[in-house]
Amino acid sequence: MKIDILTLFPGMFEGFLNESIIARARKKNHVQINVHDIRAYSKDPHKKVDDYGYGGGKGMVLMPQPIFDAVEDLKTEESKVLLMTPQGEPYKQEKAYDLSKEKHLIIICGHYEGFDERIRSLADMEVSIGDYVLTGGELASMVITDSIVRLLDGVIAKDSHIQDSFHENLLDYPVYTKPEDFRGMKVPAVLLSGHHKNINEWRYEEQRKRTKLRRPDLLEKR
């Protein structure tokens, strides 16, 4: 898979790209991630990418020209263009699975007061990671990228994400490690039994209990 991210602040991605699972996935060529500075596509002599909005109002608005030129430069027949915006479709785990099957994603990070409305015409999908507003789409694009890359073949063990929270609309079951007794809080005996059938049944029941308590709306979808 290839992911191209369009941003005004490429420096924000240095740690994200070079640490942990994302770094390993890139090193093993499971994914190619490129970060592009939108300013590089500006035709303004001073590389200006924003201006005041027509009709007044506070804040600066991203201009369409650099974004259009960047997308047109990177896009192929296999590309899907995502626009990060709080007005977009709420992002869910099932969407991460869908996007992990794509060959090429182009992610546009908005910033400032917003972006020229005509930029929306470039997007195959507008995506929101929650009902709140960030200073820009950079953090949102990292969330989307991370959620997708971990699902790619070879990045992590398949069993690890099959049992993730939200798989089949259930939250994940509780997990424990050493010591068996920590300050009087003990590991459930069933996990020490070695009886895999009983362990799986316990985990499933714990998933249902936890989901009913914390996210009953998920059970309604099952």
C-alpha atoms as a PDB file:
ATOM      1  CA  MET A   1       0.000   0.000   0.000  1.00  0.00           C
ATOM      2  CA  LYS A   2       1.022   3.576  -0.665  1.00  0.00           C
ATOM      3  CA  ILE A   3      -0.158   6.571   1.378  1.00  0.00           C
ATOM      4  CA  ASP A   4       0.488  10.185   0.379  1.00  0.00           C
ATOM      5  CA  ILE A   5      -0.278  12.851   2.995  1.00  0.00           C
ATOM      6  CA  LEU A   6      -0.693  16.519   2.054  1.00  0.00           C
ATOM      7  CA  THR A   7       0.087  18.921   4.877  1.00  0.00           C
ATOM      8  CA  LEU A   8       1.368  22.389   5.714  1.00  0.00           C
ATOM      9  CA  PHE A   9       3.460  20.962   8.560  1.00  0.00           C
ATOM     10  CA  PRO A  10       5.474  17.930   7.406  1.00  0.00           C
ATOM     11  CA  GLY A  11       7.718  18.148  10.483  1.00  0.00           C
ATOM     12  CA  MET A  12       4.827  16.916  12.625  1.00  0.00           C
ATOM     13  CA  PHE A  13       5.158  13.462  11.065  1.00  0.00           C
ATOM     14  CA  GLU A  14       8.814  12.755  11.867  1.00  0.00           C
ATOM     15  CA  GLY A  15       8.233  10.896  15.112  1.00  0.00           C
ATOM     16  CA  PHE A  16       5.086   9.211  13.839  1.00  0.00           C
ATOM     17  CA  LEU A  17       6.853   7.737  10.801  1.00  0.00           C
ATOM     18  CA  ASN A  18      10.029   6.680  12.556  1.00  0.00           C
ATOM     19  CA  GLU A  19       8.815   4.950  15.699  1.00  0.00           C
ATOM     20  CA  SER A  20       7.111   1.706  16.662  1.00  0.00           C
ATOM     21  CA  ILE A  21       4.929  -0.341  14.311  1.00  0.00           C
ATOM     22  CA  ILE A  22       4.729   2.305  11.578  1.00  0.00           C
ATOM     23  CA  ALA A  23       8.531   2.449  11.333  1.00  0.00           C
ATOM     24  CA  ARG A  24       8.806  -1.344  11.164  1.00  0.00           C
ATOM     25  CA  ALA A  25       6.064  -1.584   8.542  1.00  0.00           C
ATOM     26  CA  ARG A  26       7.877   0.949   6.374  1.00  0.00           C
ATOM     27  CA  LYS A  27      11.238  -0.760   6.838  1.00  0.00           C
ATOM     28  CA  LYS A  28       9.769  -4.097   5.748  1.00  0.00           C
ATOM     29  CA  ASN A  29       8.059  -2.442   2.754  1.00  0.00           C
ATOM     30  CA  HIS A  30       4.555  -3.320   3.891  1.00  0.00           C
ATOM     31  CA  VAL A  31       3.627   0.312   3.275  1.00  0.00           C
ATOM     32  CA  GLN A  32       5.109   3.377   1.613  1.00  0.00           C
ATOM     33  CA  ILE A  33       4.186   6.644   3.324  1.00  0.00           C
ATOM     34  CA  ASN A  34       5.106   9.979   1.752  1.00  0.00           C
ATOM     35  CA  VAL A  35       4.498  13.379   3.364  1.00  0.00           C
ATOM     36  CA  HIS A  36       4.162  16.317   0.965  1.00  0.00           C
ATOM     37  CA  ASP A  37       4.405  19.993   1.848  1.00  0.00           C
ATOM     38  CA  ILE A  38       1.411  21.755   0.275  1.00  0.00           C
ATOM     39  CA  ARG A  39       3.512  24.904  -0.080  1.00  0.00           C
ATOM     40  CA  ALA A  40       5.684  23.140  -2.646  1.00  0.00           C
ATOM     41  CA  TYR A  41       2.706  23.251  -5.022  1.00  0.00           C
ATOM     42  CA  SER A  42       1.914  26.947  -4.552  1.00  0.00           C
ATOM     43  CA  LYS A  43       2.335  29.138  -7.620  1.00  0.00           C
ATOM     44  CA  ASP A  44       2.606  32.252  -5.476  1.00  0.00           C
ATOM     45  CA  PRO A  45       6.145  33.775  -5.461  1.00  0.00           C
ATOM     46  CA  HIS A  46       6.105  33.672  -1.655  1.00  0.00           C
ATOM     47  CA  LYS A  47       4.571  30.170  -1.522  1.00  0.00           C
ATOM     48  CA  LYS A  48       1.352  31.534  -0.053  1.00  0.00           C
ATOM     49  CA  VAL A  49      -1.323  28.866   0.404  1.00  0.00           C
ATOM     50  CA  ASP A  50      -4.097  30.710   2.241  1.00  0.00           C
ATOM     51  CA  ASP A  51      -6.040  33.968   2.166  1.00  0.00           C
ATOM     52  CA  TYR A  52      -8.973  35.728   3.812  1.00  0.00           C
ATOM     53  CA  GLY A  53     -12.378  34.256   3.084  1.00  0.00           C
ATOM     54  CA  TYR A  54     -14.873  36.046   0.854  1.00  0.00           C
ATOM     55  CA  GLY A  55     -17.714  37.581   2.832  1.00  0.00           C
ATOM     56  CA  GLY A  56     -15.565  38.311   5.865  1.00  0.00           C
ATOM     57  CA  GLY A  57     -15.035  36.342   9.023  1.00  0.00           C
ATOM     58  CA  LYS A  58     -12.039  35.456  11.138  1.00  0.00           C
ATOM     59  CA  GLY A  59      -9.184  33.188  10.147  1.00  0.00           C
ATOM     60  CA  MET A  60      -7.438  32.196   6.949  1.00  0.00           C
ATOM     61  CA  VAL A  61      -8.772  29.785   4.332  1.00  0.00           C
ATOM     62  CA  LEU A  62      -6.692  27.287   2.355  1.00  0.00           C
ATOM     63  CA  MET A  63      -6.672  28.156  -1.335  1.00  0.00           C
ATOM     64  CA  PRO A  64      -7.725  25.548  -3.908  1.00  0.00           C
ATOM     65  CA  GLN A  65      -4.833  25.866  -6.390  1.00  0.00           C
ATOM     66  CA  PRO A  66      -2.056  24.162  -4.351  1.00  0.00           C
ATOM     67  CA  ILE A  67      -4.351  21.354  -3.210  1.00  0.00           C
ATOM     68  CA  PHE A  68      -5.719  20.672  -6.686  1.00  0.00           C
ATOM     69  CA  ASP A  69      -2.237  20.640  -8.212  1.00  0.00           C
ATOM     70  CA  ALA A  70      -0.906  18.321  -5.494  1.00  0.00           C
ATOM     71  CA  VAL A  71      -3.733  15.802  -5.834  1.00  0.00           C
ATOM     72  CA  GLU A  72      -3.569  15.856  -9.628  1.00  0.00           C
ATOM     73  CA  ASP A  73       0.190  15.272  -9.454  1.00  0.00           C
ATOM     74  CA  LEU A  74      -0.139  12.241  -7.165  1.00  0.00           C
ATOM     75  CA  LYS A  75      -3.416  10.673  -8.228  1.00  0.00           C
ATOM     76  CA  THR A  76      -3.682   7.516 -10.336  1.00  0.00           C
ATOM     77  CA  GLU A  77      -6.578   5.264 -11.304  1.00  0.00           C
ATOM     78  CA  GLU A  78      -5.995   3.288  -8.086  1.00  0.00           C
ATOM     79  CA  SER A  79      -6.114   6.301  -5.759  1.00  0.00           C
ATOM     80  CA  LYS A  80      -8.737   7.112  -3.148  1.00  0.00           C
ATOM     81  CA  VAL A  81      -8.686  10.681  -1.805  1.00  0.00           C
ATOM     82  CA  LEU A  82      -9.566  11.340   1.844  1.00  0.00           C
ATOM     83  CA  LEU A  83     -10.264  14.807   3.228  1.00  0.00           C
ATOM     84  CA  MET A  84      -9.824  15.286   6.988  1.00  0.00           C
ATOM     85  CA  THR A  85     -12.667  17.435   8.323  1.00  0.00           C
ATOM     86  CA  PRO A  86     -14.906  17.466  11.434  1.00  0.00           C
ATOM     87  CA  GLN A  87     -17.836  17.600   9.010  1.00  0.00           C
ATOM     88  CA  GLY A  88     -16.888  14.216   7.530  1.00  0.00           C
ATOM     89  CA  GLU A  89     -18.186  10.694   7.998  1.00  0.00           C
ATOM     90  CA  PRO A  90     -17.466   9.373  11.530  1.00  0.00           C
ATOM     91  CA  TYR A  91     -14.504   7.011  11.367  1.00  0.00           C
ATOM     92  CA  LYS A  92     -15.104   3.431  12.527  1.00  0.00           C
ATOM     93  CA  GLN A  93     -13.059   0.224  12.672  1.00  0.00           C
ATOM     94  CA  GLU A  94     -14.992  -1.257   9.749  1.00  0.00           C
ATOM     95  CA  LYS A  95     -13.879   1.711   7.621  1.00  0.00           C
ATOM     96  CA  ALA A  96     -10.269   1.008   8.619  1.00  0.00           C
ATOM     97  CA  TYR A  97     -10.690  -2.533   7.297  1.00  0.00           C
ATOM     98  CA  ASP A  98     -12.165  -1.225   4.037  1.00  0.00           C
ATOM     99  CA  LEU A  99      -9.372   1.302   3.514  1.00  0.00           C
ATOM    100  CA  SER A 100      -6.676  -1.270   4.311  1.00  0.00           C
ATOM    101  CA  LYS A 101      -7.678  -3.042   1.086  1.00  0.00           C
ATOM    102  CA  GLU A 102      -6.981   0.022  -1.069  1.00  0.00           C
ATOM    103  CA  LYS A 103      -3.737   0.278  -3.037  1.00  0.00           C
ATOM    104  CA  HIS A 104      -3.231   4.043  -2.785  1.00  0.00           C
ATOM    105  CA  LEU A 105      -4.592   6.660  -0.405  1.00  0.00           C
ATOM    106  CA  ILE A 106      -4.142  10.422  -0.649  1.00  0.00           C
ATOM    107  CA  ILE A 107      -4.958  12.188   2.621  1.00  0.00           C
ATOM    108  CA  ILE A 108      -5.548  15.958   2.654  1.00  0.00           C
ATOM    109  CA  CYS A 109      -4.962  17.743   5.965  1.00  0.00           C
ATOM    110  CA  GLY A 110      -6.928  20.943   6.342  1.00  0.00           C
ATOM    111  CA  HIS A 111      -5.727  23.791   8.557  1.00  0.00           C
ATOM    112  CA  TYR A 112      -6.463  27.342   9.715  1.00  0.00           C
ATOM    113  CA  GLU A 113     -10.117  28.433   9.577  1.00  0.00           C
ATOM    114  CA  GLY A 114     -10.882  25.858   6.920  1.00  0.00           C
ATOM    115  CA  PHE A 115     -10.436  25.141   3.243  1.00  0.00           C
ATOM    116  CA  ASP A 116     -12.006  26.533   0.117  1.00  0.00           C
ATOM    117  CA  GLU A 117     -15.279  24.676  -0.450  1.00  0.00           C
ATOM    118  CA  ARG A 118     -14.197  23.660  -3.951  1.00  0.00           C
ATOM    119  CA  ILE A 119     -11.514  21.404  -2.472  1.00  0.00           C
ATOM    120  CA  ARG A 120     -14.310  19.044  -1.418  1.00  0.00           C
ATOM    121  CA  SER A 121     -14.793  18.094  -5.060  1.00  0.00           C
ATOM    122  CA  LEU A 122     -11.422  16.290  -4.969  1.00  0.00           C
ATOM    123  CA  ALA A 123     -12.409  13.933  -2.164  1.00  0.00           C
ATOM    124  CA  ASP A 124     -13.803  10.433  -2.526  1.00  0.00           C
ATOM    125  CA  MET A 125     -14.480  10.500   1.203  1.00  0.00           C
ATOM    126  CA  GLU A 126     -14.610  13.130   3.947  1.00  0.00           C
ATOM    127  CA  VAL A 127     -13.541  11.700   7.292  1.00  0.00           C
ATOM    128  CA  SER A 128     -13.975  12.836  10.907  1.00  0.00           C
ATOM    129  CA  ILE A 129     -12.285  11.108  13.849  1.00  0.00           C
ATOM    130  CA  GLY A 130     -14.708  12.614  16.382  1.00  0.00           C
ATOM    131  CA  ASP A 131     -17.088  15.394  17.267  1.00  0.00           C
ATOM    132  CA  TYR A 132     -14.439  17.939  18.180  1.00  0.00           C
ATOM    133  CA  VAL A 133     -12.217  20.395  16.313  1.00  0.00           C
ATOM    134  CA  LEU A 134      -8.425  20.178  15.993  1.00  0.00           C
ATOM    135  CA  THR A 135      -6.079  22.906  14.805  1.00  0.00           C
ATOM    136  CA  GLY A 136      -5.504  20.885  11.656  1.00  0.00           C
ATOM    137  CA  GLY A 137      -5.931  17.526   9.989  1.00  0.00           C
ATOM    138  CA  GLU A 138      -2.409  16.285  10.725  1.00  0.00           C
ATOM    139  CA  LEU A 139      -3.219  14.397  13.931  1.00  0.00           C
ATOM    140  CA  ALA A 140      -6.370  12.990  12.346  1.00  0.00           C
ATOM    141  CA  SER A 141      -4.383  11.750   9.344  1.00  0.00           C
ATOM    142  CA  MET A 142      -1.956   9.992  11.685  1.00  0.00           C
ATOM    143  CA  VAL A 143      -4.859   8.276  13.444  1.00  0.00           C
ATOM    144  CA  ILE A 144      -6.287   7.104  10.125  1.00  0.00           C
ATOM    145  CA  THR A 145      -2.895   5.941   8.848  1.00  0.00           C
ATOM    146  CA  ASP A 146      -2.051   4.057  12.037  1.00  0.00           C
ATOM    147  CA  SER A 147      -5.426   2.297  12.126  1.00  0.00           C
ATOM    148  CA  ILE A 148      -4.979   1.150   8.517  1.00  0.00           C
ATOM    149  CA  VAL A 149      -1.313   0.151   8.517  1.00  0.00           C
ATOM    150  CA  ARG A 150      -1.683  -2.198  11.493  1.00  0.00           C
ATOM    151  CA  LEU A 151      -4.254  -4.175   9.476  1.00  0.00           C
ATOM    152  CA  LEU A 152      -1.956  -4.794   6.507  1.00  0.00           C
ATOM    153  CA  ASP A 153      -0.670  -8.329   5.987  1.00  0.00           C
ATOM    154  CA  GLY A 154       2.573  -8.938   7.834  1.00  0.00           C
ATOM    155  CA  VAL A 155       2.497  -5.818  10.005  1.00  0.00           C
ATOM    156  CA  ILE A 156       1.110  -7.483  13.150  1.00  0.00           C
ATOM    157  CA  ALA A 157      -0.235 -10.974  13.817  1.00  0.00           C
ATOM    158  CA  LYS A 158      -3.695 -11.324  12.301  1.00  0.00           C
ATOM    159  CA  ASP A 159      -5.099 -12.741  15.558  1.00  0.00           C
ATOM    160  CA  SER A 160      -4.119  -9.497  17.285  1.00  0.00           C
ATOM    161  CA  HIS A 161      -6.503  -7.338  15.293  1.00  0.00           C
ATOM    162  CA  ILE A 162      -9.247  -9.921  14.796  1.00  0.00           C
ATOM    163  CA  GLN A 163      -9.895  -9.684  18.556  1.00  0.00           C
ATOM    164  CA  ASP A 164      -9.545  -5.887  18.750  1.00  0.00           C
ATOM    165  CA  SER A 165     -12.179  -3.724  20.319  1.00  0.00           C
ATOM    166  CA  PHE A 166     -15.025  -3.016  17.864  1.00  0.00           C
ATOM    167  CA  HIS A 167     -14.470  -6.258  15.935  1.00  0.00           C
ATOM    168  CA  GLU A 168     -17.993  -7.639  15.535  1.00  0.00           C
ATOM    169  CA  ASN A 169     -19.197  -4.659  17.593  1.00  0.00           C
ATOM    170  CA  LEU A 170     -17.687  -5.869  20.856  1.00  0.00           C
ATOM    171  CA  LEU A 171     -15.071  -4.247  23.078  1.00  0.00           C
ATOM    172  CA  ASP A 172     -11.916  -6.225  23.807  1.00  0.00           C
ATOM    173  CA  TYR A 173     -11.700  -8.581  26.784  1.00  0.00           C
ATOM    174  CA  PRO A 174      -9.472  -7.797  29.826  1.00  0.00           C
ATOM    175  CA  VAL A 175      -5.880  -9.034  29.731  1.00  0.00           C
ATOM    176  CA  TYR A 176      -3.343  -9.691  32.505  1.00  0.00           C
ATOM    177  CA  THR A 177       0.374 -10.404  32.916  1.00  0.00           C
ATOM    178  CA  LYS A 178       2.777 -11.130  35.809  1.00  0.00           C
ATOM    179  CA  PRO A 179       2.524 -11.089  38.781  1.00  0.00           C
ATOM    180  CA  GLU A 180      -0.482 -13.303  39.451  1.00  0.00           C
ATOM    181  CA  ASP A 181      -1.296 -11.276  42.563  1.00  0.00           C
ATOM    182  CA  PHE A 182      -0.604  -7.536  42.593  1.00  0.00           C
ATOM    183  CA  ARG A 183      -1.658  -5.671  45.742  1.00  0.00           C
ATOM    184  CA  GLY A 184      -4.448  -8.139  46.333  1.00  0.00           C
ATOM    185  CA  MET A 185      -5.743  -7.929  42.754  1.00  0.00           C
ATOM    186  CA  LYS A 186      -5.533 -11.444  41.354  1.00  0.00           C
ATOM    187  CA  VAL A 187      -5.511 -12.789  37.807  1.00  0.00           C
ATOM    188  CA  PRO A 188      -8.783 -14.699  37.136  1.00  0.00           C
ATOM    189  CA  ALA A 189      -8.226 -18.385  37.799  1.00  0.00           C
ATOM    190  CA  VAL A 190      -9.571 -19.431  34.416  1.00  0.00           C
ATOM    191  CA  LEU A 191      -6.631 -17.713  32.659  1.00  0.00           C
ATOM    192  CA  LEU A 192      -4.223 -19.865  34.680  1.00  0.00           C
ATOM    193  CA  SER A 193      -6.073 -23.109  33.989  1.00  0.00           C
ATOM    194  CA  GLY A 194      -4.617 -23.885  30.567  1.00  0.00           C
ATOM    195  CA  HIS A 195      -8.123 -24.909  29.426  1.00  0.00           C
ATOM    196  CA  HIS A 196      -8.435 -23.050  26.117  1.00  0.00           C
ATOM    197  CA  LYS A 197     -12.146 -23.700  25.605  1.00  0.00           C
ATOM    198  CA  ASN A 198     -12.984 -22.278  29.032  1.00  0.00           C
ATOM    199  CA  ILE A 199     -10.644 -19.337  28.468  1.00  0.00           C
ATOM    200  CA  ASN A 200     -12.288 -18.483  25.129  1.00  0.00           C
ATOM    201  CA  GLU A 201     -15.754 -18.716  26.672  1.00  0.00           C
ATOM    202  CA  TRP A 202     -14.679 -16.472  29.562  1.00  0.00           C
ATOM    203  CA  ARG A 203     -13.180 -13.917  27.196  1.00  0.00           C
ATOM    204  CA  TYR A 204     -16.306 -13.789  25.051  1.00  0.00           C
ATOM    205  CA  GLU A 205     -18.524 -13.342  28.105  1.00  0.00           C
ATOM    206  CA  GLU A 206     -16.238 -10.576  29.386  1.00  0.00           C
ATOM    207  CA  GLN A 207     -16.464  -8.856  26.004  1.00  0.00           C
ATOM    208  CA  ARG A 208     -20.245  -8.880  26.214  1.00  0.00           C
ATOM    209  CA  LYS A 209     -20.261  -7.633  29.819  1.00  0.00           C
ATOM    210  CA  ARG A 210     -17.797  -4.835  29.092  1.00  0.00           C
ATOM    211  CA  THR A 211     -19.630  -3.756  25.951  1.00  0.00           C
ATOM    212  CA  LYS A 212     -23.007  -3.767  27.717  1.00  0.00           C
ATOM    213  CA  LEU A 213     -21.573  -1.635  30.527  1.00  0.00           C
ATOM    214  CA  ARG A 214     -19.498   0.834  28.475  1.00  0.00           C
ATOM    215  CA  ARG A 215     -20.926   0.853  24.960  1.00  0.00           C
ATOM    216  CA  PRO A 216     -24.456  -0.648  24.907  1.00  0.00           C
ATOM    217  CA  ASP A 217     -25.009   1.072  21.549  1.00  0.00           C
ATOM    218  CA  LEU A 218     -22.617  -1.442  19.969  1.00  0.00           C
ATOM    219  CA  LEU A 219     -24.701  -4.408  21.131  1.00  0.00           C
ATOM    220  CA  GLU A 220     -27.739  -2.920  19.438  1.00  0.00           C
ATOM    221  CA  LYS A 221     -25.901  -3.214  16.103  1.00  0.00           C
ATOM    222  CA  ARG A 222     -25.191  -6.934  16.550  1.00  0.00           C
END
